[in-house]
Amino acid sequence: MNNTVNDINRVCTEIKNMLMQKNLAYGDSALEPVRIFSKADPTEQILVRIDDKLSRFARGKEYPGDNDIDDLIGYLVLLKIAKERNAKA
């Protein structure tokens, strides 16, 4: 395999591991939220999280220690899963 293929594999594995670790730490809060205040469906809630992340990024207000690119990729993966689940429902 060439370097780019190896890098794609490595980065995708890192994102997968991050998502699985966060899912274990926080529960399935993105795709099956507790809904204490918000009644929005998971897809809409993920879109809000993406908007918030992009807003902070655009304004230069990132939090120290956050990895905005990985977070955005993670949210987009979760959005894809949410949309797939909606299509099956």
C-alpha atoms as a PDB file:
ATOM      1  CA  MET A   1       0.000   0.000   0.000  1.00  0.00           C
ATOM      2  CA  ASN A   2       1.139   3.539  -0.618  1.00  0.00           C
ATOM      3  CA  ASN A   3       1.595   6.201   2.072  1.00  0.00           C
ATOM      4  CA  THR A   4      -1.743   7.885   1.420  1.00  0.00           C
ATOM      5  CA  VAL A   5      -3.658   4.625   1.737  1.00  0.00           C
ATOM      6  CA  ASN A   6      -1.836   3.891   4.994  1.00  0.00           C
ATOM      7  CA  ASP A   7      -2.593   7.392   6.298  1.00  0.00           C
ATOM      8  CA  ILE A   8      -6.289   7.061   5.386  1.00  0.00           C
ATOM      9  CA  ASN A   9      -6.436   3.761   7.247  1.00  0.00           C
ATOM     10  CA  ARG A  10      -4.658   5.208  10.293  1.00  0.00           C
ATOM     11  CA  VAL A  11      -6.827   8.340  10.505  1.00  0.00           C
ATOM     12  CA  CYS A  12     -10.078   6.406  10.050  1.00  0.00           C
ATOM     13  CA  THR A  13      -9.008   3.989  12.771  1.00  0.00           C
ATOM     14  CA  GLU A  14      -8.230   6.923  15.099  1.00  0.00           C
ATOM     15  CA  ILE A  15     -11.685   8.424  14.487  1.00  0.00           C
ATOM     16  CA  LYS A  16     -13.358   5.043  15.028  1.00  0.00           C
ATOM     17  CA  ASN A  17     -11.497   4.556  18.305  1.00  0.00           C
ATOM     18  CA  MET A  18     -12.368   8.085  19.486  1.00  0.00           C
ATOM     19  CA  LEU A  19     -16.061   7.567  18.731  1.00  0.00           C
ATOM     20  CA  MET A  20     -16.165   4.214  20.480  1.00  0.00           C
ATOM     21  CA  GLN A  21     -14.341   5.597  23.549  1.00  0.00           C
ATOM     22  CA  LYS A  22     -16.713   8.574  23.783  1.00  0.00           C
ATOM     23  CA  ASN A  23     -19.704   6.268  23.343  1.00  0.00           C
ATOM     24  CA  LEU A  24     -18.500   4.141  26.243  1.00  0.00           C
ATOM     25  CA  ALA A  25     -17.766   7.218  28.379  1.00  0.00           C
ATOM     26  CA  TYR A  26     -20.954   9.193  27.635  1.00  0.00           C
ATOM     27  CA  GLY A  27     -23.359   6.461  26.633  1.00  0.00           C
ATOM     28  CA  ASP A  28     -25.171   6.645  23.325  1.00  0.00           C
ATOM     29  CA  SER A  29     -26.041  10.291  23.972  1.00  0.00           C
ATOM     30  CA  ALA A  30     -25.776  11.420  20.352  1.00  0.00           C
ATOM     31  CA  LEU A  31     -28.054   8.811  18.800  1.00  0.00           C
ATOM     32  CA  GLU A  32     -30.229   7.996  21.809  1.00  0.00           C
ATOM     33  CA  PRO A  33     -30.361  11.193  23.901  1.00  0.00           C
ATOM     34  CA  VAL A  34     -32.000  11.288  27.337  1.00  0.00           C
ATOM     35  CA  ARG A  35     -34.270  14.199  26.265  1.00  0.00           C
ATOM     36  CA  ILE A  36     -34.640  16.065  29.543  1.00  0.00           C
ATOM     37  CA  PHE A  37     -35.239  19.477  27.940  1.00  0.00           C
ATOM     38  CA  SER A  38     -34.873  19.097  24.178  1.00  0.00           C
ATOM     39  CA  LYS A  39     -37.332  17.000  22.218  1.00  0.00           C
ATOM     40  CA  ALA A  40     -35.419  17.349  18.941  1.00  0.00           C
ATOM     41  CA  ASP A  41     -34.624  14.126  17.147  1.00  0.00           C
ATOM     42  CA  PRO A  42     -31.028  12.842  17.129  1.00  0.00           C
ATOM     43  CA  THR A  43     -30.350  14.113  13.595  1.00  0.00           C
ATOM     44  CA  GLU A  44     -31.326  17.673  14.519  1.00  0.00           C
ATOM     45  CA  GLN A  45     -29.332  17.510  17.749  1.00  0.00           C
ATOM     46  CA  ILE A  46     -26.207  16.375  15.875  1.00  0.00           C
ATOM     47  CA  LEU A  47     -26.685  19.212  13.363  1.00  0.00           C
ATOM     48  CA  VAL A  48     -26.800  21.687  16.265  1.00  0.00           C
ATOM     49  CA  ARG A  49     -23.561  20.235  17.672  1.00  0.00           C
ATOM     50  CA  ILE A  50     -21.920  20.599  14.253  1.00  0.00           C
ATOM     51  CA  ASP A  51     -23.146  24.213  13.989  1.00  0.00           C
ATOM     52  CA  ASP A  52     -21.800  24.989  17.475  1.00  0.00           C
ATOM     53  CA  LYS A  53     -18.411  23.450  16.683  1.00  0.00           C
ATOM     54  CA  LEU A  54     -18.156  25.319  13.355  1.00  0.00           C
ATOM     55  CA  SER A  55     -19.208  28.578  15.031  1.00  0.00           C
ATOM     56  CA  ARG A  56     -16.486  28.281  17.678  1.00  0.00           C
ATOM     57  CA  PHE A  57     -13.964  27.329  15.004  1.00  0.00           C
ATOM     58  CA  ALA A  58     -14.900  30.274  12.747  1.00  0.00           C
ATOM     59  CA  ARG A  59     -14.659  32.717  15.654  1.00  0.00           C
ATOM     60  CA  GLY A  60     -11.349  31.354  16.849  1.00  0.00           C
ATOM     61  CA  LYS A  61     -12.889  30.239  20.143  1.00  0.00           C
ATOM     62  CA  GLU A  62     -11.690  26.651  20.215  1.00  0.00           C
ATOM     63  CA  TYR A  63     -11.223  25.116  23.654  1.00  0.00           C
ATOM     64  CA  PRO A  64      -7.695  24.105  24.613  1.00  0.00           C
ATOM     65  CA  GLY A  65      -7.281  20.362  24.261  1.00  0.00           C
ATOM     66  CA  ASP A  66     -10.180  19.998  21.812  1.00  0.00           C
ATOM     67  CA  ASN A  67      -9.443  18.498  18.427  1.00  0.00           C
ATOM     68  CA  ASP A  68     -11.969  20.333  16.284  1.00  0.00           C
ATOM     69  CA  ILE A  69     -11.231  18.423  13.085  1.00  0.00           C
ATOM     70  CA  ASP A  70     -11.613  15.024  14.757  1.00  0.00           C
ATOM     71  CA  ASP A  71     -14.756  16.233  16.554  1.00  0.00           C
ATOM     72  CA  LEU A  72     -16.308  17.400  13.272  1.00  0.00           C
ATOM     73  CA  ILE A  73     -15.448  14.148  11.523  1.00  0.00           C
ATOM     74  CA  GLY A  74     -16.957  12.264  14.462  1.00  0.00           C
ATOM     75  CA  TYR A  75     -20.160  14.310  14.346  1.00  0.00           C
ATOM     76  CA  LEU A  76     -20.431  13.722  10.594  1.00  0.00           C
ATOM     77  CA  VAL A  77     -20.057   9.956  11.119  1.00  0.00           C
ATOM     78  CA  LEU A  78     -22.802  10.087  13.768  1.00  0.00           C
ATOM     79  CA  LEU A  79     -24.969  12.179  11.416  1.00  0.00           C
ATOM     80  CA  LYS A  80     -24.536   9.544   8.700  1.00  0.00           C
ATOM     81  CA  ILE A  81     -25.599   6.808  11.143  1.00  0.00           C
ATOM     82  CA  ALA A  82     -28.613   8.851  12.322  1.00  0.00           C
ATOM     83  CA  LYS A  83     -29.747   9.459   8.743  1.00  0.00           C
ATOM     84  CA  GLU A  84     -29.326   5.786   7.858  1.00  0.00           C
ATOM     85  CA  ARG A  85     -31.412   4.807  10.865  1.00  0.00           C
ATOM     86  CA  ASN A  86     -34.124   7.320   9.911  1.00  0.00           C
ATOM     87  CA  ALA A  87     -34.252   5.915   6.389  1.00  0.00           C
ATOM     88  CA  LYS A  88     -34.803   2.398   7.758  1.00  0.00           C
ATOM     89  CA  ALA A  89     -37.534   3.489  10.184  1.00  0.00           C
END
